[in-house]
Protein backbone atom coordinates (compact mmCIF):
# COMPACT_ATOMS: atom_id res chain seq x y z
CA MET A 1 -62.80 137.54 74.99
CA CYS A 2 -60.03 135.23 73.76
CA ILE A 3 -61.12 132.47 71.40
CA ALA A 4 -59.39 129.10 71.41
CA ILE A 5 -61.35 127.48 68.58
CA LYS A 6 -63.54 129.09 65.95
CA MET A 7 -65.52 127.26 63.28
CA GLU A 8 -66.85 129.27 60.34
CA ASN A 9 -69.46 127.80 57.97
CA VAL A 10 -68.02 124.31 58.47
CA ASN A 11 -69.62 121.51 56.48
CA LYS A 12 -68.74 117.83 56.22
CA SER A 13 -70.33 115.35 53.85
CA PHE A 14 -69.65 111.81 52.75
CA GLY A 15 -71.19 111.63 49.28
CA GLN A 16 -74.82 112.63 49.71
CA THR A 17 -74.73 112.15 53.48
CA VAL A 18 -74.37 115.41 55.41
CA VAL A 19 -72.63 114.94 58.77
CA LEU A 20 -71.94 118.56 59.74
CA LEU A 21 -74.11 121.39 58.43
CA ASN A 22 -73.00 125.02 58.46
CA ILE A 23 -71.31 124.98 61.86
CA ASN A 24 -70.55 128.43 63.27
CA ILE A 25 -69.24 128.47 66.83
CA GLU A 26 -66.60 130.04 69.05
CA PHE A 27 -65.11 128.26 72.05
CA GLU A 28 -63.64 130.72 74.53
CA LYS A 29 -60.27 130.06 76.13
CA GLY A 30 -60.13 128.90 79.73
CA LYS A 31 -63.62 127.40 79.82
CA VAL A 32 -65.21 123.97 79.67
CA HIS A 33 -67.55 123.61 76.70
CA GLY A 34 -70.05 120.76 76.58
CA LEU A 35 -71.38 118.90 73.55
CA ILE A 36 -74.58 116.92 73.94
CA GLY A 37 -76.70 114.98 71.49
CA ARG A 38 -77.77 111.49 70.56
CA ASN A 39 -75.43 108.92 69.03
CA GLY A 40 -74.86 109.73 65.38
CA SER A 41 -75.73 113.41 65.80
CA GLY A 42 -72.27 114.60 64.69
CA LYS A 43 -70.46 115.27 67.98
CA THR A 44 -67.56 112.91 67.33
CA MET A 45 -67.17 114.08 63.72
CA LEU A 46 -66.99 117.71 64.88
CA MET A 47 -64.19 116.78 67.28
CA LYS A 48 -62.34 114.79 64.63
CA CYS A 49 -62.48 117.76 62.26
CA ILE A 50 -61.08 120.13 64.89
CA CYS A 51 -58.20 117.72 65.49
CA SER A 52 -57.61 117.37 61.72
CA PHE A 53 -58.30 113.63 61.84
CA VAL A 54 -60.97 114.17 59.15
CA PRO A 55 -60.86 116.96 56.52
CA ILE A 56 -63.84 119.28 56.31
CA SER A 57 -65.74 119.68 53.05
CA SER A 58 -66.00 123.48 53.26
CA GLY A 59 -65.59 126.38 55.67
CA GLN A 60 -62.67 126.90 58.00
CA ILE A 61 -61.48 126.03 61.47
CA ILE A 62 -59.33 128.55 63.33
CA ILE A 63 -57.27 127.46 66.34
CA ASP A 64 -55.46 130.10 68.38
CA GLY A 65 -55.87 132.55 65.51
CA GLN A 66 -54.43 130.28 62.82
CA VAL A 67 -56.40 128.59 60.06
CA LEU A 68 -56.28 124.79 59.95
CA LYS A 69 -54.85 123.44 56.67
CA LYS A 70 -53.73 126.94 55.69
CA ASP A 71 -51.37 128.08 58.44
CA PHE A 72 -50.73 124.56 59.77
CA ASP A 73 -51.74 120.97 58.97
CA ILE A 74 -52.09 119.38 62.40
CA PRO A 75 -52.86 121.18 65.69
CA LYS A 76 -49.82 120.92 67.96
CA ASN A 77 -51.36 122.19 71.16
CA ILE A 78 -54.32 119.84 71.58
CA GLY A 79 -54.67 116.77 73.80
CA VAL A 80 -57.25 114.27 72.61
CA ILE A 81 -59.47 111.40 73.74
CA ILE A 82 -61.91 110.64 70.93
CA GLU A 83 -62.12 106.87 70.60
CA THR A 84 -61.59 104.30 73.34
CA PRO A 85 -57.86 104.65 74.08
CA GLY A 86 -55.78 101.97 72.37
CA PHE A 87 -52.42 100.98 73.80
CA LEU A 88 -49.85 98.23 73.34
CA PRO A 89 -51.15 95.50 75.68
CA ALA A 90 -47.77 93.88 76.41
CA TYR A 91 -46.24 97.07 77.87
CA ASN A 92 -46.86 99.02 81.04
CA ALA A 93 -48.29 102.53 81.26
CA TYR A 94 -44.94 104.31 81.18
CA LYS A 95 -43.61 102.45 78.13
CA ASN A 96 -46.82 103.09 76.21
CA LEU A 97 -46.67 106.83 76.84
CA LYS A 98 -42.92 106.93 76.21
CA PHE A 99 -43.43 105.55 72.70
CA LEU A 100 -45.94 108.33 72.01
CA ALA A 101 -43.90 111.06 73.69
CA ASP A 102 -40.86 110.20 71.58
CA ILE A 103 -42.74 111.26 68.43
CA GLN A 104 -42.57 114.90 69.51
CA GLY A 105 -39.58 114.64 71.83
CA LYS A 106 -40.93 117.51 73.90
CA ILE A 107 -41.14 116.06 77.40
CA SER A 108 -38.92 114.27 79.88
CA LYS A 109 -39.22 110.88 81.56
CA GLN A 110 -40.31 112.60 84.76
CA GLU A 111 -43.09 114.49 82.99
CA ILE A 112 -44.47 111.17 81.71
CA TYR A 113 -44.39 109.74 85.25
CA ASP A 114 -46.10 112.88 86.56
CA ALA A 115 -48.92 112.63 84.00
CA ILE A 116 -49.59 109.00 84.95
CA ASP A 117 -49.63 109.82 88.66
CA LYS A 118 -51.96 112.82 88.15
CA VAL A 119 -54.72 110.63 86.75
CA GLY A 120 -54.58 108.21 89.68
CA LEU A 121 -52.44 105.44 88.20
CA ASP A 122 -49.12 104.13 89.55
CA SER A 123 -46.42 105.40 87.21
CA LYS A 124 -43.89 102.85 88.47
CA SER A 125 -46.19 99.84 88.09
CA LYS A 126 -44.97 97.03 85.83
CA LYS A 127 -48.54 95.87 85.14
CA HIS A 128 -49.19 95.40 81.45
CA VAL A 129 -51.92 97.62 79.97
CA GLY A 130 -53.52 94.47 78.54
CA LYS A 131 -54.52 93.63 82.12
CA TYR A 132 -56.05 97.05 82.77
CA SER A 133 -59.77 97.55 83.30
CA LEU A 134 -61.63 99.88 80.93
CA GLY A 135 -61.52 102.58 83.60
CA MET A 136 -57.74 102.26 83.98
CA ARG A 137 -57.29 102.51 80.21
CA GLN A 138 -59.49 105.60 80.24
CA ARG A 139 -57.28 107.16 82.93
CA LEU A 140 -54.19 106.32 80.87
CA GLY A 141 -55.85 107.92 77.87
CA LEU A 142 -56.23 111.14 79.84
CA ALA A 143 -52.60 110.92 80.90
CA GLN A 144 -51.67 110.69 77.23
CA ALA A 145 -53.84 113.71 76.45
CA ILE A 146 -52.30 115.91 79.16
CA MET A 147 -48.69 114.74 79.26
CA GLU A 148 -47.37 117.39 76.86
CA ASN A 149 -49.28 120.13 78.72
CA PRO A 150 -51.57 121.23 75.85
CA ASP A 151 -53.69 124.35 76.14
CA ILE A 152 -56.74 122.65 74.59
CA LEU A 153 -58.28 119.28 75.46
CA ILE A 154 -60.80 117.51 73.20
CA LEU A 155 -62.49 114.76 75.23
CA ASN A 156 -65.18 112.42 73.91
CA GLU A 157 -66.90 110.54 76.76
CA PRO A 158 -63.84 110.66 79.06
CA MET A 159 -65.78 109.10 81.96
CA ASN A 160 -66.46 105.82 80.12
CA GLY A 161 -65.62 102.80 82.27
CA LEU A 162 -64.88 104.81 85.42
CA ASP A 163 -66.47 103.85 88.73
CA LYS A 164 -68.06 106.45 91.00
CA ASN A 165 -64.76 107.42 92.64
CA GLY A 166 -63.06 107.55 89.25
CA VAL A 167 -65.72 109.90 87.89
CA THR A 168 -65.33 112.17 90.93
CA ASP A 169 -61.55 112.21 90.49
CA MET A 170 -61.83 112.95 86.77
CA ARG A 171 -64.26 115.82 87.27
CA SER A 172 -62.05 117.33 89.96
CA TYR A 173 -59.01 117.06 87.74
CA LEU A 174 -60.73 118.63 84.73
CA LEU A 175 -61.98 121.54 86.85
CA ASP A 176 -58.42 122.01 88.12
CA LEU A 177 -57.18 122.16 84.52
CA LYS A 178 -59.80 124.82 83.81
CA LEU A 179 -58.52 126.88 86.75
CA LYS A 180 -55.07 126.65 85.17
CA GLY A 181 -56.43 128.24 82.00
CA LYS A 182 -56.95 125.16 79.85
CA THR A 183 -59.76 125.08 77.31
CA ILE A 184 -61.77 121.86 77.36
CA LEU A 185 -64.31 120.61 74.84
CA ILE A 186 -66.14 117.60 76.24
CA ALA A 187 -68.85 115.38 74.79
CA SER A 188 -70.86 113.37 77.30
CA HIS A 189 -74.11 111.47 77.59
CA SER A 190 -74.09 112.19 81.33
CA ALA A 191 -76.32 115.09 82.32
CA GLU A 192 -74.48 115.29 85.63
CA ASP A 193 -71.07 115.63 83.95
CA ILE A 194 -72.41 118.45 81.79
CA ASP A 195 -74.02 120.14 84.78
CA VAL A 196 -70.93 119.95 87.01
CA LEU A 197 -68.25 120.73 84.44
CA CYS A 198 -69.48 122.95 81.65
CA ASP A 199 -69.57 126.71 81.28
CA THR A 200 -71.33 126.50 77.92
CA VAL A 201 -73.45 123.75 76.41
CA HIS A 202 -74.09 123.05 72.73
CA GLU A 203 -76.42 120.45 71.24
CA MET A 204 -75.75 118.49 68.06
CA ASP A 205 -78.78 117.20 66.15
CA LYS A 206 -78.45 115.70 62.67
CA GLY A 207 -75.26 117.64 62.04
CA VAL A 208 -76.66 120.99 63.19
CA LEU A 209 -75.11 122.69 66.22
CA SER A 210 -77.24 124.82 68.54
CA THR A 211 -76.05 126.75 71.58
CA ILE A 212 -78.02 126.26 74.78
CA ARG A 213 -77.98 128.76 77.58
CA LEU A 214 -76.40 126.95 80.52
CA ASP A 215 -78.89 126.13 83.26
CA ARG A 216 -77.45 124.66 86.43
CA GLU A 217 -80.61 122.62 86.95
CA LEU A 218 -79.64 119.06 86.06
CA THR A 219 -83.08 118.31 84.63
CA SER A 220 -82.49 120.89 81.90
CA PHE A 221 -80.33 118.40 80.02
CA LYS A 222 -81.87 115.03 80.81
CA HIS A 223 -84.23 115.01 77.86
CA MET A 224 -81.40 115.81 75.47
CA ILE A 225 -78.81 113.24 76.54
């Protein structure tokens, strides 16, 4: 079994407030891993720590066999949607992603266009992102996450703002990424998303992470989400 992300005795506190408590978990490569739990349970903080947005208080996080903050400072092979995607409202989709792509300088103009098209947006549209609906911004956020072809995706509520067709498209696309060997960690309040997408399911409660045996019966998760 190949492990994409491993967390060993990870703790995170702000003063006397414990946000993550002794997290020990392995996320296998090439699978979709679900995080469930109420608001404030620690799901988003766990994701932020994996992405190195927030430093952990103790323990270690290992990504692709390398220790975060020891072997490297920022994960280079992770695509992320954690907060509601924020873009420059006076520019179109392509220009927004081009600004971000230029930071790494890893991908071409065509690869940016391709990422926008893959998520169901028009890559050649001149429409300013400020005129986008929430669902369109969410799609553009996914395009940003995938455009550099990362092996790992960290997605917090990626279906927010999507209509029924948009949710269907997003699920199909994420399952296609899984078939291509991508590892996906997804947090969702939707029992149906968890049921359709996830190979493993883990529940956060007051900073404690518990692994749940995946049950394809949708009702298994309704009381937890």
